[in-house]
């Protein structure tokens, strides 16, 4: 009789311990009584009646999903692969359990489909330049569609855009041509500015002929500082004009 009493006492303790459930601070417990939803258990020590009641633990922390690379076609018919990262959290634990079988998988698949569709609405140049705008548009659509599931999508960021090798070479040639164009424009602009300064200098020298001689002496001084063995002295054009006038007379 004593042994039987210990057995019943042990069974009672086991049943009581099985009834006690601990819900952590970052979790919520969705409780069902006889298969019917009967409430959400908040953090702390909670009691569940075996057989009659069951519960599902739901993590309320922010989750990260790596959206797999998707083969997409841009608006200007360029094939490319795009992948992204998705941040979301459960806002209503009861909806996340009752309304959808596996909310993590469902959110991932919805994000992939939406990203592929949204990328197809933009041209290649817009996709490369407007990543934030595209990410924001995807986030708004996915967040709206997942709201009935009790899921809040906080952010979607496009990580990488993979282009075909032919397109990469074409863009490299385009960038090289653009840099060459800018170099030519800069060179032409420099020549224009130099010609303007030379024109102004010529006007000053025409008013003060002695300035040309001073400039000549300065040039000879600069050449002599380099210790050159040969120095070419230019003959002023005025001398040729003077000799020409003499010959004509």
C-alpha atoms as a PDB file:
ATOM      1  CA  UNK A   1       0.000   0.000   0.000  1.00  0.00           C
ATOM      2  CA  UNK A   2       2.849   2.372   0.805  1.00  0.00           C
ATOM      3  CA  UNK A   3       4.515   1.616  -2.545  1.00  0.00           C
ATOM      4  CA  UNK A   4       1.247   2.245  -4.369  1.00  0.00           C
ATOM      5  CA  UNK A   5       0.902   5.565  -2.561  1.00  0.00           C
ATOM      6  CA  UNK A   6       4.352   6.638  -3.780  1.00  0.00           C
ATOM      7  CA  UNK A   7       3.375   5.736  -7.334  1.00  0.00           C
ATOM      8  CA  UNK A   8       0.253   7.893  -7.143  1.00  0.00           C
ATOM      9  CA  UNK A   9       2.224  10.732  -5.579  1.00  0.00           C
ATOM     10  CA  UNK A  10       4.863  10.540  -8.329  1.00  0.00           C
ATOM     11  CA  UNK A  11       2.172  10.495 -11.009  1.00  0.00           C
ATOM     12  CA  UNK A  12       0.496  13.532  -9.463  1.00  0.00           C
ATOM     13  CA  UNK A  13       3.786  15.447  -9.340  1.00  0.00           C
ATOM     14  CA  UNK A  14       4.506  14.538 -12.996  1.00  0.00           C
ATOM     15  CA  UNK A  15       1.062  15.758 -14.061  1.00  0.00           C
ATOM     16  CA  UNK A  16       1.472  19.015 -12.180  1.00  0.00           C
ATOM     17  CA  UNK A  17       4.920  19.611 -13.685  1.00  0.00           C
ATOM     18  CA  UNK A  18       3.573  18.885 -17.185  1.00  0.00           C
ATOM     19  CA  UNK A  19       0.904  21.508 -16.607  1.00  0.00           C
ATOM     20  CA  UNK A  20       3.454  24.237 -15.885  1.00  0.00           C
ATOM     21  CA  UNK A  21       4.805  26.061 -18.941  1.00  0.00           C
ATOM     22  CA  UNK A  22       7.308  28.924 -19.035  1.00  0.00           C
ATOM     23  CA  UNK A  23       6.833  31.576 -21.727  1.00  0.00           C
ATOM     24  CA  UNK A  24       9.969  33.647 -22.279  1.00  0.00           C
ATOM     25  CA  UNK A  25       9.999  37.431 -22.580  1.00  0.00           C
ATOM     26  CA  UNK A  26      10.399  37.413 -26.380  1.00  0.00           C
ATOM     27  CA  UNK A  27       7.739  34.729 -26.909  1.00  0.00           C
ATOM     28  CA  UNK A  28       3.982  34.356 -26.895  1.00  0.00           C
ATOM     29  CA  UNK A  29       1.972  31.168 -26.426  1.00  0.00           C
ATOM     30  CA  UNK A  30      -1.125  30.493 -28.523  1.00  0.00           C
ATOM     31  CA  UNK A  31      -3.419  28.295 -26.435  1.00  0.00           C
ATOM     32  CA  UNK A  32      -6.137  25.940 -27.713  1.00  0.00           C
ATOM     33  CA  UNK A  33      -8.808  24.295 -25.575  1.00  0.00           C
ATOM     34  CA  UNK A  34     -10.321  21.201 -27.162  1.00  0.00           C
ATOM     35  CA  UNK A  35      -8.911  22.411 -30.495  1.00  0.00           C
ATOM     36  CA  UNK A  36     -10.446  25.890 -30.218  1.00  0.00           C
ATOM     37  CA  UNK A  37      -8.408  29.056 -29.806  1.00  0.00           C
ATOM     38  CA  UNK A  38      -8.743  30.257 -26.218  1.00  0.00           C
ATOM     39  CA  UNK A  39      -6.171  33.029 -25.816  1.00  0.00           C
ATOM     40  CA  UNK A  40      -2.547  34.169 -26.050  1.00  0.00           C
ATOM     41  CA  UNK A  41      -0.240  33.406 -23.144  1.00  0.00           C
ATOM     42  CA  UNK A  42       2.070  36.250 -22.129  1.00  0.00           C
ATOM     43  CA  UNK A  43       5.603  35.820 -20.705  1.00  0.00           C
ATOM     44  CA  UNK A  44       5.808  34.090 -17.324  1.00  0.00           C
ATOM     45  CA  UNK A  45       4.720  30.830 -15.711  1.00  0.00           C
ATOM     46  CA  UNK A  46       1.509  29.507 -17.251  1.00  0.00           C
ATOM     47  CA  UNK A  47      -0.696  26.462 -16.694  1.00  0.00           C
ATOM     48  CA  UNK A  48      -1.844  24.099 -19.453  1.00  0.00           C
ATOM     49  CA  UNK A  49      -4.307  21.281 -18.726  1.00  0.00           C
ATOM     50  CA  UNK A  50      -2.936  18.107 -20.355  1.00  0.00           C
ATOM     51  CA  UNK A  51      -4.996  16.443 -23.096  1.00  0.00           C
ATOM     52  CA  UNK A  52      -7.663  19.161 -22.935  1.00  0.00           C
ATOM     53  CA  UNK A  53      -5.391  22.074 -23.802  1.00  0.00           C
ATOM     54  CA  UNK A  54      -2.454  22.496 -26.207  1.00  0.00           C
ATOM     55  CA  UNK A  55      -0.293  25.460 -27.065  1.00  0.00           C
ATOM     56  CA  UNK A  56       2.126  26.707 -29.705  1.00  0.00           C
ATOM     57  CA  UNK A  57       5.194  28.781 -28.947  1.00  0.00           C
ATOM     58  CA  UNK A  58       5.693  31.835 -31.226  1.00  0.00           C
ATOM     59  CA  UNK A  59       8.928  33.847 -31.359  1.00  0.00           C
ATOM     60  CA  UNK A  60       8.189  37.591 -31.506  1.00  0.00           C
ATOM     61  CA  UNK A  61      11.719  38.768 -32.314  1.00  0.00           C
ATOM     62  CA  UNK A  62      12.783  40.282 -35.642  1.00  0.00           C
ATOM     63  CA  UNK A  63      13.646  37.569 -38.151  1.00  0.00           C
ATOM     64  CA  UNK A  64      15.904  37.748 -41.186  1.00  0.00           C
ATOM     65  CA  UNK A  65      15.269  35.878 -44.429  1.00  0.00           C
ATOM     66  CA  UNK A  66      17.700  35.722 -47.329  1.00  0.00           C
ATOM     67  CA  UNK A  67      15.476  36.053 -50.400  1.00  0.00           C
ATOM     68  CA  UNK A  68      16.924  33.667 -52.972  1.00  0.00           C
ATOM     69  CA  UNK A  69      18.283  35.031 -56.240  1.00  0.00           C
ATOM     70  CA  UNK A  70      15.483  35.486 -58.754  1.00  0.00           C
ATOM     71  CA  UNK A  71      15.784  35.385 -62.549  1.00  0.00           C
ATOM     72  CA  UNK A  72      14.060  38.559 -63.739  1.00  0.00           C
ATOM     73  CA  UNK A  73      13.604  40.506 -66.962  1.00  0.00           C
ATOM     74  CA  UNK A  74      13.704  44.287 -66.790  1.00  0.00           C
ATOM     75  CA  UNK A  75      11.336  46.594 -68.616  1.00  0.00           C
ATOM     76  CA  UNK A  76      13.884  47.025 -71.434  1.00  0.00           C
ATOM     77  CA  UNK A  77      14.215  43.212 -71.822  1.00  0.00           C
ATOM     78  CA  UNK A  78      17.507  42.679 -69.993  1.00  0.00           C
ATOM     79  CA  UNK A  79      17.873  39.396 -68.094  1.00  0.00           C
ATOM     80  CA  UNK A  80      19.330  39.736 -64.615  1.00  0.00           C
ATOM     81  CA  UNK A  81      19.391  38.036 -61.223  1.00  0.00           C
ATOM     82  CA  UNK A  82      18.390  39.897 -58.071  1.00  0.00           C
ATOM     83  CA  UNK A  83      18.587  38.802 -54.444  1.00  0.00           C
ATOM     84  CA  UNK A  84      17.615  40.614 -51.258  1.00  0.00           C
ATOM     85  CA  UNK A  85      17.339  40.350 -47.489  1.00  0.00           C
ATOM     86  CA  UNK A  86      14.019  40.617 -45.657  1.00  0.00           C
ATOM     87  CA  UNK A  87      13.414  41.756 -42.050  1.00  0.00           C
ATOM     88  CA  UNK A  88      10.086  40.989 -40.373  1.00  0.00           C
ATOM     89  CA  UNK A  89       8.512  40.115 -37.047  1.00  0.00           C
ATOM     90  CA  UNK A  90       5.256  38.608 -35.784  1.00  0.00           C
ATOM     91  CA  UNK A  91       2.835  41.289 -34.587  1.00  0.00           C
ATOM     92  CA  UNK A  92      -0.160  39.006 -33.788  1.00  0.00           C
ATOM     93  CA  UNK A  93       0.813  35.561 -32.551  1.00  0.00           C
ATOM     94  CA  UNK A  94      -2.695  34.107 -32.879  1.00  0.00           C
ATOM     95  CA  UNK A  95      -2.995  35.116 -36.560  1.00  0.00           C
ATOM     96  CA  UNK A  96       0.495  33.782 -37.367  1.00  0.00           C
ATOM     97  CA  UNK A  97      -0.566  30.358 -36.058  1.00  0.00           C
ATOM     98  CA  UNK A  98      -4.198  30.214 -37.152  1.00  0.00           C
ATOM     99  CA  UNK A  99      -4.234  32.014 -40.517  1.00  0.00           C
ATOM    100  CA  UNK A 100      -1.174  30.407 -42.171  1.00  0.00           C
ATOM    101  CA  UNK A 101       0.478  27.018 -41.843  1.00  0.00           C
ATOM    102  CA  UNK A 102       4.127  28.181 -41.960  1.00  0.00           C
ATOM    103  CA  UNK A 103       4.353  31.955 -41.918  1.00  0.00           C
ATOM    104  CA  UNK A 104       8.160  32.056 -42.428  1.00  0.00           C
ATOM    105  CA  UNK A 105       7.976  30.002 -45.629  1.00  0.00           C
ATOM    106  CA  UNK A 106       4.921  31.942 -46.803  1.00  0.00           C
ATOM    107  CA  UNK A 107       6.633  35.316 -46.314  1.00  0.00           C
ATOM    108  CA  UNK A 108       9.747  34.089 -48.140  1.00  0.00           C
ATOM    109  CA  UNK A 109       7.795  32.882 -51.174  1.00  0.00           C
ATOM    110  CA  UNK A 110       5.711  36.059 -51.312  1.00  0.00           C
ATOM    111  CA  UNK A 111       8.844  38.219 -51.179  1.00  0.00           C
ATOM    112  CA  UNK A 112      10.451  36.280 -54.041  1.00  0.00           C
ATOM    113  CA  UNK A 113       7.393  36.607 -56.284  1.00  0.00           C
ATOM    114  CA  UNK A 114       6.879  40.287 -55.498  1.00  0.00           C
ATOM    115  CA  UNK A 115      10.547  41.138 -56.077  1.00  0.00           C
ATOM    116  CA  UNK A 116      10.514  39.443 -59.472  1.00  0.00           C
ATOM    117  CA  UNK A 117       7.361  41.312 -60.520  1.00  0.00           C
ATOM    118  CA  UNK A 118       8.498  44.734 -59.282  1.00  0.00           C
ATOM    119  CA  UNK A 119      11.927  44.468 -60.934  1.00  0.00           C
ATOM    120  CA  UNK A 120      10.158  43.829 -64.242  1.00  0.00           C
ATOM    121  CA  UNK A 121       8.511  47.250 -64.001  1.00  0.00           C
ATOM    122  CA  UNK A 122      11.831  49.156 -64.157  1.00  0.00           C
ATOM    123  CA  UNK A 123      14.489  49.571 -66.813  1.00  0.00           C
ATOM    124  CA  UNK A 124      18.045  48.421 -66.161  1.00  0.00           C
ATOM    125  CA  UNK A 125      19.433  51.902 -65.473  1.00  0.00           C
ATOM    126  CA  UNK A 126      16.610  52.574 -63.013  1.00  0.00           C
ATOM    127  CA  UNK A 127      17.232  49.266 -61.230  1.00  0.00           C
ATOM    128  CA  UNK A 128      20.904  50.121 -60.764  1.00  0.00           C
ATOM    129  CA  UNK A 129      20.237  53.693 -59.616  1.00  0.00           C
ATOM    130  CA  UNK A 130      16.980  53.377 -57.654  1.00  0.00           C
ATOM    131  CA  UNK A 131      17.574  50.422 -55.352  1.00  0.00           C
ATOM    132  CA  UNK A 132      16.034  52.159 -52.349  1.00  0.00           C
ATOM    133  CA  UNK A 133      12.883  53.057 -54.266  1.00  0.00           C
ATOM    134  CA  UNK A 134      12.480  49.491 -55.549  1.00  0.00           C
ATOM    135  CA  UNK A 135      13.131  48.044 -52.087  1.00  0.00           C
ATOM    136  CA  UNK A 136      10.550  50.386 -50.547  1.00  0.00           C
ATOM    137  CA  UNK A 137       7.935  49.409 -53.123  1.00  0.00           C
ATOM    138  CA  UNK A 138       8.530  45.691 -52.520  1.00  0.00           C
ATOM    139  CA  UNK A 139       8.346  46.217 -48.750  1.00  0.00           C
ATOM    140  CA  UNK A 140       5.006  48.032 -48.974  1.00  0.00           C
ATOM    141  CA  UNK A 141       3.416  45.301 -51.108  1.00  0.00           C
ATOM    142  CA  UNK A 142       4.716  42.406 -49.005  1.00  0.00           C
ATOM    143  CA  UNK A 143       3.766  44.140 -45.747  1.00  0.00           C
ATOM    144  CA  UNK A 144       0.226  44.739 -46.991  1.00  0.00           C
ATOM    145  CA  UNK A 145      -0.217  41.108 -48.104  1.00  0.00           C
ATOM    146  CA  UNK A 146       1.204  39.653 -44.872  1.00  0.00           C
ATOM    147  CA  UNK A 147      -0.846  41.862 -42.543  1.00  0.00           C
ATOM    148  CA  UNK A 148      -3.736  39.320 -42.370  1.00  0.00           C
ATOM    149  CA  UNK A 149      -1.158  36.746 -41.200  1.00  0.00           C
ATOM    150  CA  UNK A 150      -0.135  38.876 -38.221  1.00  0.00           C
ATOM    151  CA  UNK A 151       3.287  39.570 -39.726  1.00  0.00           C
ATOM    152  CA  UNK A 152       4.919  43.018 -39.960  1.00  0.00           C
ATOM    153  CA  UNK A 153       7.574  43.441 -42.673  1.00  0.00           C
ATOM    154  CA  UNK A 154       9.859  46.225 -41.516  1.00  0.00           C
ATOM    155  CA  UNK A 155      12.471  46.353 -44.264  1.00  0.00           C
ATOM    156  CA  UNK A 156      13.636  44.796 -47.537  1.00  0.00           C
ATOM    157  CA  UNK A 157      17.069  45.548 -48.980  1.00  0.00           C
ATOM    158  CA  UNK A 158      18.318  44.501 -52.411  1.00  0.00           C
ATOM    159  CA  UNK A 159      21.779  43.009 -51.861  1.00  0.00           C
ATOM    160  CA  UNK A 160      23.110  42.165 -55.300  1.00  0.00           C
ATOM    161  CA  UNK A 161      22.199  42.554 -58.967  1.00  0.00           C
ATOM    162  CA  UNK A 162      23.908  40.056 -61.257  1.00  0.00           C
ATOM    163  CA  UNK A 163      24.122  40.994 -64.944  1.00  0.00           C
ATOM    164  CA  UNK A 164      25.078  38.819 -67.953  1.00  0.00           C
ATOM    165  CA  UNK A 165      28.722  39.026 -69.041  1.00  0.00           C
ATOM    166  CA  UNK A 166      27.748  40.568 -72.388  1.00  0.00           C
ATOM    167  CA  UNK A 167      25.885  43.351 -70.600  1.00  0.00           C
ATOM    168  CA  UNK A 168      28.824  43.929 -68.238  1.00  0.00           C
ATOM    169  CA  UNK A 169      31.198  44.371 -71.196  1.00  0.00           C
ATOM    170  CA  UNK A 170      28.758  46.711 -72.945  1.00  0.00           C
ATOM    171  CA  UNK A 171      28.417  48.847 -69.815  1.00  0.00           C
ATOM    172  CA  UNK A 172      32.209  48.917 -69.428  1.00  0.00           C
ATOM    173  CA  UNK A 173      32.591  50.163 -73.022  1.00  0.00           C
ATOM    174  CA  UNK A 174      29.910  52.770 -72.401  1.00  0.00           C
ATOM    175  CA  UNK A 175      31.631  53.986 -69.237  1.00  0.00           C
ATOM    176  CA  UNK A 176      34.991  54.152 -71.040  1.00  0.00           C
ATOM    177  CA  UNK A 177      33.473  56.151 -73.894  1.00  0.00           C
ATOM    178  CA  UNK A 178      31.840  58.513 -71.401  1.00  0.00           C
ATOM    179  CA  UNK A 179      35.166  59.099 -69.625  1.00  0.00           C
ATOM    180  CA  UNK A 180      36.894  59.728 -72.965  1.00  0.00           C
ATOM    181  CA  UNK A 181      34.178  62.251 -73.894  1.00  0.00           C
ATOM    182  CA  UNK A 182      34.632  64.091 -70.610  1.00  0.00           C
ATOM    183  CA  UNK A 183      38.410  64.173 -71.100  1.00  0.00           C
ATOM    184  CA  UNK A 184      38.017  65.686 -74.571  1.00  0.00           C
ATOM    185  CA  UNK A 185      35.547  68.270 -73.316  1.00  0.00           C
ATOM    186  CA  UNK A 186      37.886  69.201 -70.452  1.00  0.00           C
ATOM    187  CA  UNK A 187      40.825  69.511 -72.852  1.00  0.00           C
ATOM    188  CA  UNK A 188      38.825  71.704 -75.238  1.00  0.00           C
ATOM    189  CA  UNK A 189      37.680  73.875 -72.358  1.00  0.00           C
ATOM    190  CA  UNK A 190      41.275  74.275 -71.210  1.00  0.00           C
ATOM    191  CA  UNK A 191      42.347  75.300 -74.715  1.00  0.00           C
ATOM    192  CA  UNK A 192      39.527  77.839 -74.847  1.00  0.00           C
ATOM    193  CA  UNK A 193      40.481  79.366 -71.513  1.00  0.00           C
ATOM    194  CA  UNK A 194      44.169  79.380 -72.471  1.00  0.00           C
ATOM    195  CA  UNK A 195      43.395  81.182 -75.735  1.00  0.00           C
ATOM    196  CA  UNK A 196      41.427  83.814 -73.842  1.00  0.00           C
ATOM    197  CA  UNK A 197      44.311  84.416 -71.440  1.00  0.00           C
ATOM    198  CA  UNK A 198      46.801  84.569 -74.329  1.00  0.00           C
ATOM    199  CA  UNK A 199      44.574  87.098 -76.066  1.00  0.00           C
ATOM    200  CA  UNK A 200      44.528  89.246 -72.939  1.00  0.00           C
ATOM    201  CA  UNK A 201      48.293  88.907 -72.601  1.00  0.00           C
ATOM    202  CA  UNK A 202      48.743  89.938 -76.235  1.00  0.00           C
ATOM    203  CA  UNK A 203      46.715  93.091 -75.653  1.00  0.00           C
ATOM    204  CA  UNK A 204      48.877  94.005 -72.669  1.00  0.00           C
ATOM    205  CA  UNK A 205      52.087  93.398 -74.616  1.00  0.00           C
ATOM    206  CA  UNK A 206      50.764  95.462 -77.558  1.00  0.00           C
ATOM    207  CA  UNK A 207      50.253  98.398 -75.206  1.00  0.00           C
ATOM    208  CA  UNK A 208      53.624  97.897 -73.486  1.00  0.00           C
ATOM    209  CA  UNK A 209      56.202  96.452 -75.958  1.00  0.00           C
ATOM    210  CA  UNK A 210      58.830  96.371 -73.210  1.00  0.00           C
ATOM    211  CA  UNK A 211      56.822  93.635 -71.493  1.00  0.00           C
ATOM    212  CA  UNK A 212      57.804  91.242 -74.310  1.00  0.00           C
ATOM    213  CA  UNK A 213      61.490  91.871 -73.687  1.00  0.00           C
ATOM    214  CA  UNK A 214      61.023  91.324 -69.955  1.00  0.00           C
ATOM    215  CA  UNK A 215      59.241  88.075 -70.674  1.00  0.00           C
ATOM    216  CA  UNK A 216      62.099  87.010 -72.965  1.00  0.00           C
ATOM    217  CA  UNK A 217      64.663  87.706 -70.237  1.00  0.00           C
ATOM    218  CA  UNK A 218      62.588  85.733 -67.745  1.00  0.00           C
ATOM    219  CA  UNK A 219      62.450  82.765 -70.136  1.00  0.00           C
ATOM    220  CA  UNK A 220      66.235  82.876 -70.632  1.00  0.00           C
ATOM    221  CA  UNK A 221      66.686  82.946 -66.872  1.00  0.00           C
ATOM    222  CA  UNK A 222      64.496  79.857 -66.500  1.00  0.00           C
ATOM    223  CA  UNK A 223      66.437  78.016 -69.210  1.00  0.00           C
ATOM    224  CA  UNK A 224      69.834  78.890 -67.738  1.00  0.00           C
ATOM    225  CA  UNK A 225      68.818  77.449 -64.348  1.00  0.00           C
ATOM    226  CA  UNK A 226      68.569  74.010 -65.981  1.00  0.00           C
ATOM    227  CA  UNK A 227      72.293  74.183 -66.983  1.00  0.00           C
ATOM    228  CA  UNK A 228      71.623  73.592 -70.673  1.00  0.00           C
ATOM    229  CA  UNK A 229      74.541  73.745 -73.065  1.00  0.00           C
ATOM    230  CA  UNK A 230      72.486  75.223 -75.906  1.00  0.00           C
ATOM    231  CA  UNK A 231      70.171  78.212 -75.649  1.00  0.00           C
ATOM    232  CA  UNK A 232      68.013  79.313 -78.577  1.00  0.00           C
ATOM    233  CA  UNK A 233      67.313  83.062 -78.536  1.00  0.00           C
ATOM    234  CA  UNK A 234      64.215  83.986 -80.539  1.00  0.00           C
ATOM    235  CA  UNK A 235      64.463  86.991 -82.826  1.00  0.00           C
ATOM    236  CA  UNK A 236      61.653  89.497 -82.256  1.00  0.00           C
ATOM    237  CA  UNK A 237      59.215  89.895 -85.140  1.00  0.00           C
ATOM    238  CA  UNK A 238      59.654  93.669 -84.940  1.00  0.00           C
ATOM    239  CA  UNK A 239      63.224  93.251 -86.247  1.00  0.00           C
ATOM    240  CA  UNK A 240      61.978  91.424 -89.337  1.00  0.00           C
ATOM    241  CA  UNK A 241      59.388  94.109 -89.934  1.00  0.00           C
ATOM    242  CA  UNK A 242      62.089  96.797 -89.601  1.00  0.00           C
ATOM    243  CA  UNK A 243      64.376  95.015 -92.097  1.00  0.00           C
ATOM    244  CA  UNK A 244      61.487  94.494 -94.501  1.00  0.00           C
ATOM    245  CA  UNK A 245      60.668  98.186 -94.454  1.00  0.00           C
ATOM    246  CA  UNK A 246      64.340  99.042 -95.106  1.00  0.00           C
ATOM    247  CA  UNK A 247      64.508  96.690 -98.069  1.00  0.00           C
ATOM    248  CA  UNK A 248      61.390  98.152 -99.590  1.00  0.00           C
ATOM    249  CA  UNK A 249      62.841 101.645 -99.368  1.00  0.00           C
END
